[in-house]
Amino acid sequence: METIIEAYETESAALFLIEPNGQLQMAGKFGLDEIEVNISFSPDDMPFDKADLFEPNSPTKSLADALKLNEGMFSPFKVKDTQFGGLLVTGNSTDGIGTYKSPIEDHLSSFAVLSAQIGGLWTNRLLMDQNREYTNQLETE
């Protein structure tokens, strides 16, 4: 998370992963000390098909409000063979505007690439856990 705020010079960042029940659950955060980790929401309620900026009159406004972000950007990523496995978010609170750089349209393509890399890393971790589980099963048989 710290790498994201360093790269984009924003105030905070959060990582959401899709749970088996279909809800997105916050899995990590940086710079969001007053935000509880138990934030979860349905991805069906929001247009998470590509990297984008938070817009004032968009369904994503509720996520920005929950994270207390006045401006920011988000990008979905795939995990394993799913179409949607999680969401990466970064941005600034009202107090952070002027101190930190504002996310802009020019950042979206590199942010989407970073998000895809995080999805790949998470997939590798899940597959390694699955491989370890299979190995343990074979060893006990």
N, C-alpha and C. Protein backbone atom coordinates (compact mmCIF):
# COMPACT_ATOMS: atom_id res chain seq x y z
N MET A 1 0.81 -1.18 0.00
CA MET A 1 0.00 0.00 0.00
C MET A 1 0.87 1.26 0.00
N GLU A 2 1.95 1.20 0.77
CA GLU A 2 2.82 2.37 0.83
C GLU A 2 3.43 2.68 -0.54
N THR A 3 3.73 1.65 -1.31
CA THR A 3 4.28 1.85 -2.65
C THR A 3 3.32 2.64 -3.52
N ILE A 4 2.04 2.38 -3.37
CA ILE A 4 1.04 3.07 -4.18
C ILE A 4 1.01 4.56 -3.84
N ILE A 5 0.99 4.88 -2.54
CA ILE A 5 0.94 6.29 -2.20
C ILE A 5 2.25 7.00 -2.54
N GLU A 6 3.36 6.27 -2.52
CA GLU A 6 4.63 6.87 -2.94
C GLU A 6 4.65 7.11 -4.45
N ALA A 7 4.16 6.15 -5.20
CA ALA A 7 4.18 6.27 -6.67
C ALA A 7 3.27 7.38 -7.17
N TYR A 8 2.09 7.51 -6.57
CA TYR A 8 1.12 8.49 -7.05
C TYR A 8 1.05 9.73 -6.15
N GLU A 9 1.86 9.75 -5.10
CA GLU A 9 1.93 10.88 -4.17
C GLU A 9 0.56 11.24 -3.61
N THR A 10 -0.20 10.21 -3.27
CA THR A 10 -1.51 10.40 -2.66
C THR A 10 -1.41 10.16 -1.16
N GLU A 11 -2.48 10.45 -0.47
CA GLU A 11 -2.51 10.37 0.99
C GLU A 11 -2.73 8.95 1.51
N SER A 12 -3.54 8.17 0.82
CA SER A 12 -3.91 6.86 1.35
C SER A 12 -4.22 5.88 0.23
N ALA A 13 -4.27 4.59 0.62
CA ALA A 13 -4.59 3.53 -0.34
C ALA A 13 -5.27 2.39 0.39
N ALA A 14 -6.06 1.62 -0.35
CA ALA A 14 -6.75 0.46 0.23
C ALA A 14 -6.83 -0.64 -0.81
N LEU A 15 -6.84 -1.86 -0.31
CA LEU A 15 -6.96 -3.05 -1.14
C LEU A 15 -8.20 -3.81 -0.69
N PHE A 16 -9.07 -4.15 -1.63
CA PHE A 16 -10.27 -4.94 -1.36
C PHE A 16 -10.17 -6.25 -2.14
N LEU A 17 -10.53 -7.35 -1.49
CA LEU A 17 -10.55 -8.66 -2.14
C LEU A 17 -11.96 -9.21 -2.12
N ILE A 18 -12.31 -9.95 -3.16
CA ILE A 18 -13.64 -10.55 -3.24
C ILE A 18 -13.69 -11.76 -2.31
N GLU A 19 -14.72 -11.83 -1.52
CA GLU A 19 -14.93 -12.94 -0.58
C GLU A 19 -15.78 -14.01 -1.25
N PRO A 20 -15.81 -15.23 -0.70
CA PRO A 20 -16.65 -16.28 -1.28
C PRO A 20 -18.14 -15.91 -1.38
N ASN A 21 -18.60 -15.00 -0.50
CA ASN A 21 -20.01 -14.58 -0.54
C ASN A 21 -20.27 -13.50 -1.59
N GLY A 22 -19.22 -13.13 -2.35
CA GLY A 22 -19.39 -12.15 -3.43
C GLY A 22 -19.19 -10.71 -3.00
N GLN A 23 -18.95 -10.48 -1.72
CA GLN A 23 -18.73 -9.13 -1.22
C GLN A 23 -17.25 -8.76 -1.31
N LEU A 24 -16.98 -7.50 -1.52
CA LEU A 24 -15.61 -7.00 -1.44
C LEU A 24 -15.32 -6.65 0.01
N GLN A 25 -14.20 -7.14 0.53
CA GLN A 25 -13.81 -6.90 1.91
C GLN A 25 -12.44 -6.22 1.91
N MET A 26 -12.28 -5.18 2.73
CA MET A 26 -10.98 -4.51 2.82
C MET A 26 -9.96 -5.49 3.37
N ALA A 27 -8.85 -5.64 2.65
CA ALA A 27 -7.80 -6.58 3.05
C ALA A 27 -6.53 -5.86 3.48
N GLY A 28 -6.42 -4.59 3.14
CA GLY A 28 -5.24 -3.83 3.51
C GLY A 28 -5.49 -2.35 3.32
N LYS A 29 -4.74 -1.54 4.07
CA LYS A 29 -4.91 -0.10 3.97
C LYS A 29 -3.63 0.60 4.41
N PHE A 30 -3.45 1.82 3.95
CA PHE A 30 -2.34 2.66 4.38
C PHE A 30 -2.85 4.10 4.38
N GLY A 31 -2.61 4.81 5.49
CA GLY A 31 -3.05 6.19 5.57
C GLY A 31 -4.53 6.34 5.86
N LEU A 32 -5.17 5.27 6.21
CA LEU A 32 -6.61 5.30 6.54
C LEU A 32 -6.80 4.81 7.98
N ASP A 33 -6.05 5.40 8.89
CA ASP A 33 -6.02 4.92 10.26
C ASP A 33 -7.38 4.94 10.95
N GLU A 34 -8.20 5.91 10.63
CA GLU A 34 -9.49 6.00 11.31
C GLU A 34 -10.58 5.16 10.65
N ILE A 35 -10.24 4.48 9.56
CA ILE A 35 -11.20 3.64 8.84
C ILE A 35 -11.07 2.21 9.37
N GLU A 36 -12.20 1.60 9.68
CA GLU A 36 -12.18 0.22 10.14
C GLU A 36 -11.96 -0.72 8.96
N VAL A 37 -11.29 -1.82 9.22
CA VAL A 37 -10.96 -2.79 8.18
C VAL A 37 -12.20 -3.57 7.74
N ASN A 38 -13.27 -3.52 8.50
CA ASN A 38 -14.43 -4.35 8.18
C ASN A 38 -15.36 -3.73 7.13
N ILE A 39 -14.89 -2.78 6.35
CA ILE A 39 -15.70 -2.23 5.27
C ILE A 39 -15.89 -3.31 4.21
N SER A 40 -17.13 -3.57 3.85
CA SER A 40 -17.40 -4.49 2.75
C SER A 40 -18.60 -3.97 1.98
N PHE A 41 -18.68 -4.36 0.71
CA PHE A 41 -19.77 -3.91 -0.14
C PHE A 41 -19.88 -4.83 -1.34
N SER A 42 -20.99 -4.76 -2.03
CA SER A 42 -21.21 -5.59 -3.20
C SER A 42 -20.63 -4.91 -4.44
N PRO A 43 -19.81 -5.62 -5.21
CA PRO A 43 -19.29 -5.02 -6.44
C PRO A 43 -20.36 -4.82 -7.50
N ASP A 44 -21.51 -5.50 -7.33
CA ASP A 44 -22.60 -5.35 -8.30
C ASP A 44 -23.20 -3.95 -8.26
N ASP A 45 -23.00 -3.25 -7.15
CA ASP A 45 -23.58 -1.92 -6.98
C ASP A 45 -22.78 -0.82 -7.67
N MET A 46 -21.59 -1.16 -8.16
CA MET A 46 -20.71 -0.13 -8.69
C MET A 46 -20.08 -0.56 -10.01
N PRO A 47 -19.75 0.41 -10.86
CA PRO A 47 -19.15 0.11 -12.17
C PRO A 47 -17.64 -0.10 -12.08
N PHE A 48 -17.22 -1.31 -11.72
CA PHE A 48 -15.80 -1.60 -11.57
C PHE A 48 -15.27 -2.38 -12.76
N ASP A 49 -15.52 -1.92 -13.96
CA ASP A 49 -15.06 -2.64 -15.14
C ASP A 49 -13.69 -2.16 -15.64
N LYS A 50 -13.23 -0.99 -15.17
CA LYS A 50 -11.94 -0.46 -15.60
C LYS A 50 -11.45 0.56 -14.57
N ALA A 51 -10.18 0.93 -14.67
CA ALA A 51 -9.64 1.97 -13.79
C ALA A 51 -10.34 3.28 -14.09
N ASP A 52 -10.65 4.02 -13.03
CA ASP A 52 -11.37 5.28 -13.22
C ASP A 52 -11.15 6.18 -12.00
N LEU A 53 -11.52 7.43 -12.17
CA LEU A 53 -11.49 8.39 -11.07
C LEU A 53 -12.84 8.35 -10.35
N PHE A 54 -12.82 8.67 -9.06
CA PHE A 54 -14.09 8.83 -8.34
C PHE A 54 -14.79 10.06 -8.89
N GLU A 55 -16.06 9.93 -9.19
CA GLU A 55 -16.85 11.05 -9.70
C GLU A 55 -17.90 11.43 -8.66
N PRO A 56 -18.20 12.73 -8.53
CA PRO A 56 -19.14 13.18 -7.50
C PRO A 56 -20.54 12.56 -7.58
N ASN A 57 -21.06 12.34 -8.77
CA ASN A 57 -22.42 11.82 -8.91
C ASN A 57 -22.44 10.40 -9.44
N SER A 58 -21.44 9.61 -9.07
CA SER A 58 -21.31 8.23 -9.53
C SER A 58 -21.64 7.27 -8.39
N PRO A 59 -22.02 6.04 -8.72
CA PRO A 59 -22.23 5.04 -7.67
C PRO A 59 -20.97 4.78 -6.84
N THR A 60 -19.80 5.08 -7.38
CA THR A 60 -18.56 4.87 -6.63
C THR A 60 -18.38 5.91 -5.52
N LYS A 61 -19.20 6.93 -5.53
CA LYS A 61 -19.13 7.98 -4.50
C LYS A 61 -19.33 7.38 -3.11
N SER A 62 -20.16 6.35 -2.98
CA SER A 62 -20.39 5.75 -1.66
C SER A 62 -19.13 5.08 -1.13
N LEU A 63 -18.31 4.48 -2.02
CA LEU A 63 -17.05 3.90 -1.59
C LEU A 63 -16.09 5.00 -1.17
N ALA A 64 -16.00 6.07 -1.95
CA ALA A 64 -15.13 7.20 -1.59
C ALA A 64 -15.56 7.77 -0.24
N ASP A 65 -16.85 7.89 -0.02
CA ASP A 65 -17.35 8.41 1.26
C ASP A 65 -17.00 7.48 2.41
N ALA A 66 -17.12 6.16 2.21
CA ALA A 66 -16.80 5.19 3.27
C ALA A 66 -15.32 5.27 3.64
N LEU A 67 -14.47 5.58 2.66
CA LEU A 67 -13.03 5.70 2.91
C LEU A 67 -12.64 7.13 3.28
N LYS A 68 -13.62 8.03 3.31
CA LYS A 68 -13.41 9.45 3.62
C LYS A 68 -12.45 10.11 2.63
N LEU A 69 -12.60 9.71 1.36
CA LEU A 69 -11.79 10.30 0.29
C LEU A 69 -12.60 11.34 -0.45
N ASN A 70 -12.01 12.49 -0.66
CA ASN A 70 -12.67 13.54 -1.43
C ASN A 70 -12.35 13.42 -2.91
N GLU A 71 -11.21 12.80 -3.22
CA GLU A 71 -10.80 12.56 -4.60
C GLU A 71 -9.97 11.29 -4.61
N GLY A 72 -9.96 10.63 -5.76
CA GLY A 72 -9.17 9.40 -5.84
C GLY A 72 -9.43 8.64 -7.11
N MET A 73 -8.82 7.46 -7.17
CA MET A 73 -9.02 6.58 -8.32
C MET A 73 -9.05 5.14 -7.82
N PHE A 74 -9.60 4.29 -8.65
CA PHE A 74 -9.73 2.87 -8.31
C PHE A 74 -9.49 2.05 -9.56
N SER A 75 -9.10 0.79 -9.34
CA SER A 75 -8.89 -0.12 -10.46
C SER A 75 -9.19 -1.54 -10.01
N PRO A 76 -10.01 -2.25 -10.78
CA PRO A 76 -10.28 -3.66 -10.47
C PRO A 76 -9.13 -4.54 -10.93
N PHE A 77 -9.05 -5.75 -10.38
CA PHE A 77 -8.07 -6.72 -10.86
C PHE A 77 -8.67 -8.11 -10.79
N LYS A 78 -8.08 -9.00 -11.60
CA LYS A 78 -8.52 -10.39 -11.66
C LYS A 78 -7.70 -11.23 -10.68
N VAL A 79 -8.32 -12.27 -10.16
CA VAL A 79 -7.63 -13.24 -9.30
C VAL A 79 -7.98 -14.62 -9.82
N LYS A 80 -6.95 -15.42 -10.05
CA LYS A 80 -7.11 -16.76 -10.62
C LYS A 80 -7.92 -16.67 -11.90
N ASP A 81 -9.01 -17.42 -11.98
CA ASP A 81 -9.77 -17.46 -13.23
C ASP A 81 -11.05 -16.63 -13.17
N THR A 82 -11.15 -15.71 -12.22
CA THR A 82 -12.35 -14.88 -12.10
C THR A 82 -12.24 -13.64 -12.98
N GLN A 83 -13.35 -13.07 -13.30
CA GLN A 83 -13.34 -11.81 -14.03
C GLN A 83 -13.02 -10.65 -13.09
N PHE A 84 -13.40 -10.79 -11.83
CA PHE A 84 -13.22 -9.71 -10.87
C PHE A 84 -12.80 -10.31 -9.53
N GLY A 85 -11.63 -9.95 -9.08
CA GLY A 85 -11.13 -10.54 -7.84
C GLY A 85 -10.84 -9.54 -6.74
N GLY A 86 -10.77 -8.27 -7.11
CA GLY A 86 -10.48 -7.28 -6.10
C GLY A 86 -10.41 -5.88 -6.68
N LEU A 87 -10.11 -4.95 -5.79
CA LEU A 87 -10.12 -3.55 -6.17
C LEU A 87 -9.00 -2.83 -5.43
N LEU A 88 -8.28 -1.99 -6.14
CA LEU A 88 -7.24 -1.15 -5.58
C LEU A 88 -7.74 0.29 -5.61
N VAL A 89 -7.56 1.00 -4.49
CA VAL A 89 -8.06 2.37 -4.37
C VAL A 89 -6.96 3.25 -3.81
N THR A 90 -6.84 4.47 -4.32
CA THR A 90 -5.95 5.46 -3.73
C THR A 90 -6.57 6.84 -3.87
N GLY A 91 -6.23 7.74 -2.95
CA GLY A 91 -6.81 9.08 -3.03
C GLY A 91 -6.46 9.94 -1.84
N ASN A 92 -7.18 11.07 -1.74
CA ASN A 92 -6.92 12.08 -0.72
C ASN A 92 -8.20 12.47 -0.01
N SER A 93 -8.07 12.73 1.29
CA SER A 93 -9.19 13.26 2.06
C SER A 93 -9.28 14.77 1.79
N THR A 94 -10.29 15.40 2.35
CA THR A 94 -10.42 16.85 2.21
C THR A 94 -9.19 17.55 2.77
N ASP A 95 -8.70 17.07 3.91
CA ASP A 95 -7.51 17.68 4.52
C ASP A 95 -6.25 17.46 3.69
N GLY A 96 -6.20 16.37 2.92
CA GLY A 96 -5.02 16.06 2.13
C GLY A 96 -4.93 16.79 0.81
N ILE A 97 -6.04 17.36 0.35
CA ILE A 97 -6.02 18.08 -0.93
C ILE A 97 -5.13 19.32 -0.79
N GLY A 98 -4.22 19.47 -1.72
CA GLY A 98 -3.27 20.57 -1.67
C GLY A 98 -1.93 20.13 -1.10
N THR A 99 -1.96 19.18 -0.17
CA THR A 99 -0.72 18.64 0.39
C THR A 99 -0.21 17.50 -0.48
N TYR A 100 -1.16 16.68 -0.96
CA TYR A 100 -0.83 15.53 -1.81
C TYR A 100 -1.32 15.81 -3.22
N LYS A 101 -0.72 15.12 -4.19
CA LYS A 101 -1.13 15.30 -5.58
C LYS A 101 -2.49 14.67 -5.83
N SER A 102 -3.27 15.32 -6.66
CA SER A 102 -4.58 14.79 -7.04
C SER A 102 -4.42 13.73 -8.12
N PRO A 103 -5.10 12.59 -7.97
CA PRO A 103 -5.10 11.61 -9.07
C PRO A 103 -5.75 12.23 -10.30
N ILE A 104 -5.15 11.99 -11.45
CA ILE A 104 -5.67 12.54 -12.69
C ILE A 104 -5.83 11.43 -13.73
N GLU A 105 -6.51 11.77 -14.80
CA GLU A 105 -6.78 10.82 -15.88
C GLU A 105 -5.49 10.18 -16.42
N ASP A 106 -4.41 10.94 -16.47
CA ASP A 106 -3.14 10.41 -16.99
C ASP A 106 -2.56 9.29 -16.14
N HIS A 107 -2.98 9.18 -14.89
CA HIS A 107 -2.48 8.13 -13.99
C HIS A 107 -3.19 6.79 -14.19
N LEU A 108 -4.34 6.81 -14.82
CA LEU A 108 -5.19 5.61 -14.85
C LEU A 108 -4.55 4.41 -15.53
N SER A 109 -3.83 4.60 -16.62
CA SER A 109 -3.27 3.44 -17.33
C SER A 109 -2.18 2.77 -16.49
N SER A 110 -1.29 3.55 -15.88
CA SER A 110 -0.26 2.93 -15.04
C SER A 110 -0.86 2.34 -13.77
N PHE A 111 -1.90 2.95 -13.24
CA PHE A 111 -2.58 2.43 -12.06
C PHE A 111 -3.25 1.09 -12.38
N ALA A 112 -3.82 0.99 -13.58
CA ALA A 112 -4.44 -0.28 -14.01
C ALA A 112 -3.38 -1.38 -14.15
N VAL A 113 -2.21 -1.04 -14.65
CA VAL A 113 -1.12 -2.02 -14.77
C VAL A 113 -0.67 -2.47 -13.39
N LEU A 114 -0.49 -1.54 -12.47
CA LEU A 114 -0.11 -1.88 -11.10
C LEU A 114 -1.16 -2.76 -10.45
N SER A 115 -2.41 -2.44 -10.66
CA SER A 115 -3.51 -3.23 -10.12
C SER A 115 -3.49 -4.65 -10.68
N ALA A 116 -3.24 -4.78 -11.98
CA ALA A 116 -3.16 -6.11 -12.60
C ALA A 116 -1.99 -6.91 -12.02
N GLN A 117 -0.89 -6.24 -11.74
CA GLN A 117 0.26 -6.93 -11.14
C GLN A 117 -0.07 -7.42 -9.73
N ILE A 118 -0.80 -6.63 -8.98
CA ILE A 118 -1.23 -7.04 -7.64
C ILE A 118 -2.15 -8.26 -7.76
N GLY A 119 -3.04 -8.25 -8.74
CA GLY A 119 -3.90 -9.41 -8.97
C GLY A 119 -3.08 -10.66 -9.30
N GLY A 120 -2.03 -10.49 -10.09
CA GLY A 120 -1.15 -11.61 -10.43
C GLY A 120 -0.41 -12.14 -9.21
N LEU A 121 0.07 -11.24 -8.37
CA LEU A 121 0.76 -11.66 -7.15
C LEU A 121 -0.19 -12.39 -6.20
N TRP A 122 -1.41 -11.88 -6.08
CA TRP A 122 -2.39 -12.53 -5.21
C TRP A 122 -2.76 -13.92 -5.76
N THR A 123 -2.89 -14.02 -7.07
CA THR A 123 -3.17 -15.31 -7.70
C THR A 123 -2.04 -16.30 -7.40
N ASN A 124 -0.80 -15.85 -7.54
CA ASN A 124 0.35 -16.72 -7.24
C ASN A 124 0.31 -17.20 -5.80
N ARG A 125 -0.04 -16.32 -4.88
CA ARG A 125 -0.13 -16.72 -3.48
C ARG A 125 -1.22 -17.76 -3.27
N LEU A 126 -2.38 -17.56 -3.87
CA LEU A 126 -3.47 -18.52 -3.74
C LEU A 126 -3.10 -19.87 -4.33
N LEU A 127 -2.44 -19.85 -5.48
CA LEU A 127 -2.03 -21.11 -6.11
C LEU A 127 -0.94 -21.81 -5.29
N MET A 128 -0.05 -21.04 -4.69
CA MET A 128 0.97 -21.65 -3.84
C MET A 128 0.32 -22.31 -2.61
N ASP A 129 -0.67 -21.63 -2.02
CA ASP A 129 -1.40 -22.22 -0.88
C ASP A 129 -2.11 -23.50 -1.30
N GLN A 130 -2.71 -23.48 -2.48
CA GLN A 130 -3.42 -24.66 -2.99
C GLN A 130 -2.43 -25.80 -3.24
N ASN A 131 -1.28 -25.48 -3.80
CA ASN A 131 -0.25 -26.48 -4.05
C ASN A 131 0.25 -27.09 -2.74
N ARG A 132 0.44 -26.25 -1.73
CA ARG A 132 0.87 -26.72 -0.41
C ARG A 132 -0.18 -27.66 0.18
N GLU A 133 -1.45 -27.31 0.03
CA GLU A 133 -2.54 -28.15 0.54
C GLU A 133 -2.55 -29.51 -0.17
N TYR A 134 -2.40 -29.50 -1.49
CA TYR A 134 -2.35 -30.76 -2.25
C TYR A 134 -1.15 -31.62 -1.83
N THR A 135 -0.01 -30.97 -1.63
CA THR A 135 1.19 -31.70 -1.19
C THR A 135 0.96 -32.35 0.17
N ASN A 136 0.36 -31.61 1.09
CA ASN A 136 0.07 -32.18 2.42
C ASN A 136 -0.88 -33.35 2.33
N GLN A 137 -1.88 -33.26 1.43
CA GLN A 137 -2.82 -34.38 1.26
C GLN A 137 -2.10 -35.61 0.73
N LEU A 138 -1.20 -35.42 -0.22
CA LEU A 138 -0.45 -36.55 -0.78
C LEU A 138 0.48 -37.16 0.24
N GLU A 139 1.07 -36.36 1.08
CA GLU A 139 1.98 -36.86 2.08
C GLU A 139 1.26 -37.67 3.17
N THR A 140 0.01 -37.35 3.44
CA THR A 140 -0.75 -38.06 4.48
C THR A 140 -1.40 -39.32 3.94
N GLU A 141 -1.48 -39.49 2.65
CA GLU A 141 -2.11 -40.68 2.07
C GLU A 141 -1.16 -41.84 1.99
